[in-house]
């Protein structure tokens, strides 16, 4: 394996760095984008229990904000609920935009690697072929070792670039789809909270 990497030339270094970045990002995103960690299934009922019994206190809002991304959205909405439905929705939307931006962290890097890695491999192919034709011009077609080295570099870098790009593209699509699903779930929970707070006049004011 090491000999194959060496024969690919110096362009194998950025391709290897890209592969390390893809692996690290995938591990981090798999851990971070866990649906139940971002959208706890019992959080809305827990908040509803607070609202039925007592006004929500500042300590509860802080704990809610720190508990999960959905809790952060809920805390923002509860803090502004006294000012009316539209103000509450605007506050939730503003916080949700920040949360979604954080959920999409590093996905742009994955997409960039998926696009760039094949181009790096293609560059290696071009350099390898230049070496082949240069060798032909200087030594003719009799030096098979030089010709084979250039062709080998061309094929190895192309294969390496595609080997990195294909998983990167698949991971990018997968995580983007997961983020979209999480965003839909957060929107549904936030709408339920707004409807609960502004459809029941007996709910006590939020602190």
Protein backbone atom coordinates (compact mmCIF):
# COMPACT_ATOMS: atom_id res chain seq x y z
CA UNK A 1 0.00 0.00 0.00
CA UNK A 2 2.80 2.42 0.88
CA UNK A 3 4.52 1.71 -2.41
CA UNK A 4 1.32 2.44 -4.30
CA UNK A 5 0.94 5.75 -2.45
CA UNK A 6 4.55 6.67 -3.22
CA UNK A 7 4.14 5.82 -6.88
CA UNK A 8 1.19 8.19 -7.07
CA UNK A 9 3.47 11.17 -6.55
CA UNK A 10 3.15 14.25 -4.38
CA UNK A 11 -0.52 14.74 -5.27
CA UNK A 12 -1.33 11.73 -3.11
CA UNK A 13 -0.65 13.90 -0.04
CA UNK A 14 -3.64 16.25 -0.47
CA UNK A 15 -5.81 13.26 -1.40
CA UNK A 16 -4.78 11.48 1.81
CA UNK A 17 -5.48 14.64 3.82
CA UNK A 18 -8.92 14.81 2.24
CA UNK A 19 -9.59 11.19 3.20
CA UNK A 20 -8.62 11.88 6.82
CA UNK A 21 -10.90 14.93 6.87
CA UNK A 22 -13.84 12.90 5.48
CA UNK A 23 -13.42 10.20 8.14
CA UNK A 24 -13.14 12.74 10.97
CA UNK A 25 -16.17 14.73 9.81
CA UNK A 26 -18.31 11.60 9.39
CA UNK A 27 -17.51 10.41 12.91
CA UNK A 28 -18.20 13.85 14.39
CA UNK A 29 -21.47 14.32 12.50
CA UNK A 30 -22.71 10.82 13.34
CA UNK A 31 -22.23 11.65 17.01
CA UNK A 32 -23.63 15.18 16.81
CA UNK A 33 -26.61 14.61 14.52
CA UNK A 34 -28.32 12.05 16.73
CA UNK A 35 -32.05 12.81 16.36
CA UNK A 36 -33.02 12.02 19.95
CA UNK A 37 -30.20 14.18 21.27
CA UNK A 38 -31.31 17.14 19.16
CA UNK A 39 -35.08 16.63 19.39
CA UNK A 40 -35.80 14.82 22.71
CA UNK A 41 -39.17 13.09 22.29
CA UNK A 42 -40.40 13.97 25.80
CA UNK A 43 -39.27 17.60 25.90
CA UNK A 44 -42.56 19.15 24.79
CA UNK A 45 -44.58 17.22 27.38
CA UNK A 46 -42.08 18.23 30.05
CA UNK A 47 -42.42 21.91 29.13
CA UNK A 48 -46.19 21.55 29.02
CA UNK A 49 -46.08 20.17 32.56
CA UNK A 50 -44.18 23.24 33.71
CA UNK A 51 -46.70 25.58 32.08
CA UNK A 52 -49.71 23.85 33.63
CA UNK A 53 -48.37 24.04 37.17
CA UNK A 54 -46.36 27.23 37.57
CA UNK A 55 -44.86 30.06 35.56
CA UNK A 56 -41.58 29.01 33.99
CA UNK A 57 -38.71 30.33 36.07
CA UNK A 58 -35.41 31.71 34.83
CA UNK A 59 -33.56 28.65 36.15
CA UNK A 60 -35.84 26.37 34.18
CA UNK A 61 -35.33 28.43 31.03
CA UNK A 62 -31.57 28.22 31.44
CA UNK A 63 -31.69 24.45 31.96
CA UNK A 64 -34.00 24.13 28.96
CA UNK A 65 -31.69 26.23 26.79
CA UNK A 66 -28.68 24.10 27.69
CA UNK A 67 -30.43 20.75 27.37
CA UNK A 68 -30.61 20.40 23.57
CA UNK A 69 -30.97 22.38 20.34
CA UNK A 70 -34.75 21.97 20.54
CA UNK A 71 -34.64 23.14 24.16
CA UNK A 72 -32.77 26.23 23.00
CA UNK A 73 -35.58 26.96 20.52
CA UNK A 74 -38.24 26.36 23.16
CA UNK A 75 -36.49 28.63 25.65
CA UNK A 76 -36.33 31.41 23.08
CA UNK A 77 -40.03 31.06 22.36
CA UNK A 78 -41.03 30.92 26.01
CA UNK A 79 -38.98 34.02 26.82
CA UNK A 80 -40.92 36.06 24.28
CA UNK A 81 -44.34 34.39 24.56
CA UNK A 82 -45.78 37.21 26.66
CA UNK A 83 -45.45 39.60 23.71
CA UNK A 84 -47.86 37.70 21.50
CA UNK A 85 -47.95 34.88 19.00
CA UNK A 86 -46.12 36.67 16.17
CA UNK A 87 -43.27 37.87 18.36
CA UNK A 88 -42.90 34.37 19.77
CA UNK A 89 -42.80 32.87 16.27
CA UNK A 90 -40.21 35.39 15.13
CA UNK A 91 -38.03 34.61 18.14
CA UNK A 92 -38.32 30.87 17.52
CA UNK A 93 -37.49 31.32 13.83
CA UNK A 94 -34.41 33.41 14.58
CA UNK A 95 -33.06 30.87 17.06
CA UNK A 96 -33.97 27.98 14.73
CA UNK A 97 -31.90 29.55 11.94
CA UNK A 98 -28.88 29.61 14.26
CA UNK A 99 -29.48 25.99 15.28
CA UNK A 100 -29.81 24.82 11.66
CA UNK A 101 -26.58 26.61 10.79
CA UNK A 102 -24.83 24.67 13.56
CA UNK A 103 -26.38 21.38 12.42
CA UNK A 104 -24.98 21.96 8.92
CA UNK A 105 -21.46 22.54 10.22
CA UNK A 106 -18.76 20.77 8.16
CA UNK A 107 -21.26 19.61 5.52
CA UNK A 108 -19.90 22.24 3.17
CA UNK A 109 -16.42 20.80 3.67
CA UNK A 110 -17.70 17.35 2.73
CA UNK A 111 -19.28 18.73 -0.43
CA UNK A 112 -16.10 20.58 -1.32
CA UNK A 113 -13.97 17.47 -0.86
CA UNK A 114 -16.39 15.46 -2.99
CA UNK A 115 -15.95 18.02 -5.77
CA UNK A 116 -12.22 18.68 -5.41
CA UNK A 117 -10.82 15.17 -4.86
CA UNK A 118 -11.58 13.96 -8.43
CA UNK A 119 -10.01 17.15 -9.79
CA UNK A 120 -6.84 16.47 -7.81
CA UNK A 121 -6.82 12.95 -9.25
CA UNK A 122 -7.36 14.39 -12.71
CA UNK A 123 -4.43 16.76 -12.17
CA UNK A 124 -2.31 13.74 -11.26
CA UNK A 125 -3.44 12.08 -14.47
CA UNK A 126 -2.43 15.10 -16.51
CA UNK A 127 0.97 15.32 -14.81
CA UNK A 128 1.55 11.61 -15.34
CA UNK A 129 0.70 11.84 -19.01
CA UNK A 130 2.97 14.86 -19.41
CA UNK A 131 5.79 12.78 -17.96
CA UNK A 132 4.99 9.98 -20.39
CA UNK A 133 5.09 12.23 -23.46
CA UNK A 134 8.18 14.03 -22.18
CA UNK A 135 9.94 10.68 -21.82
CA UNK A 136 8.85 9.71 -25.33
CA UNK A 137 10.26 12.96 -26.71
CA UNK A 138 13.60 12.55 -24.93
CA UNK A 139 14.18 8.81 -25.05
CA UNK A 140 11.71 7.44 -27.53
CA UNK A 141 9.46 4.50 -26.78
CA UNK A 142 12.26 2.15 -25.79
CA UNK A 143 12.38 3.06 -22.08
CA UNK A 144 9.42 1.08 -20.80
CA UNK A 145 10.20 1.84 -17.13
CA UNK A 146 9.78 5.59 -17.53
CA UNK A 147 6.60 5.17 -19.52
CA UNK A 148 5.15 2.77 -16.99
CA UNK A 149 5.98 5.15 -14.13
CA UNK A 150 4.11 8.03 -15.72
CA UNK A 151 1.10 5.91 -16.61
CA UNK A 152 1.09 4.39 -13.12
CA UNK A 153 1.04 7.84 -11.51
CA UNK A 154 -1.82 8.88 -13.77
CA UNK A 155 -3.96 5.86 -12.89
CA UNK A 156 -3.21 5.82 -9.16
CA UNK A 157 -4.04 9.47 -8.53
CA UNK A 158 -7.26 9.20 -10.50
CA UNK A 159 -8.33 6.09 -8.59
CA UNK A 160 -7.36 7.65 -5.25
CA UNK A 161 -9.29 10.85 -5.98
CA UNK A 162 -12.43 8.90 -6.88
CA UNK A 163 -12.01 6.63 -3.85
CA UNK A 164 -12.16 9.69 -1.60
CA UNK A 165 -14.79 11.63 -3.56
CA UNK A 166 -17.44 8.92 -3.81
CA UNK A 167 -17.77 8.28 -0.02
CA UNK A 168 -17.56 12.03 0.63
CA UNK A 169 -20.46 12.69 -1.74
CA UNK A 170 -22.52 9.87 -0.23
CA UNK A 171 -21.83 11.13 3.30
CA UNK A 172 -22.71 14.69 2.32
CA UNK A 173 -26.08 13.61 0.90
CA UNK A 174 -26.79 11.38 3.90
CA UNK A 175 -26.05 14.03 6.51
CA UNK A 176 -27.91 16.70 4.55
CA UNK A 177 -30.95 14.44 4.49
CA UNK A 178 -30.61 13.80 8.21
CA UNK A 179 -30.43 17.53 8.92
CA UNK A 180 -33.55 18.11 6.81
CA UNK A 181 -35.44 15.46 8.78
CA UNK A 182 -34.33 16.95 12.09
CA UNK A 183 -35.37 20.44 10.97
CA UNK A 184 -38.85 19.18 10.06
CA UNK A 185 -39.18 17.52 13.48
CA UNK A 186 -38.08 20.72 15.26
CA UNK A 187 -40.57 22.78 13.25
CA UNK A 188 -43.40 20.46 14.23
CA UNK A 189 -42.51 20.61 17.91
CA UNK A 190 -42.14 24.41 17.84
CA UNK A 191 -45.54 24.82 16.15
CA UNK A 192 -47.13 22.66 18.85
CA UNK A 193 -45.58 24.82 21.57
CA UNK A 194 -46.84 28.03 19.97
CA UNK A 195 -50.34 26.58 19.53
CA UNK A 196 -50.42 25.39 23.14
CA UNK A 197 -49.33 28.72 24.58
CA UNK A 198 -51.68 30.87 22.52
CA UNK A 199 -54.76 28.69 22.37
CA UNK A 200 -55.22 28.23 26.11
CA UNK A 201 -55.94 31.46 27.96
CA UNK A 202 -55.72 29.73 31.32
CA UNK A 203 -52.00 29.11 31.03
CA UNK A 204 -50.06 31.17 33.50
CA UNK A 205 -47.69 33.83 32.27
CA UNK A 206 -44.13 32.83 31.49
CA UNK A 207 -41.53 34.42 33.71
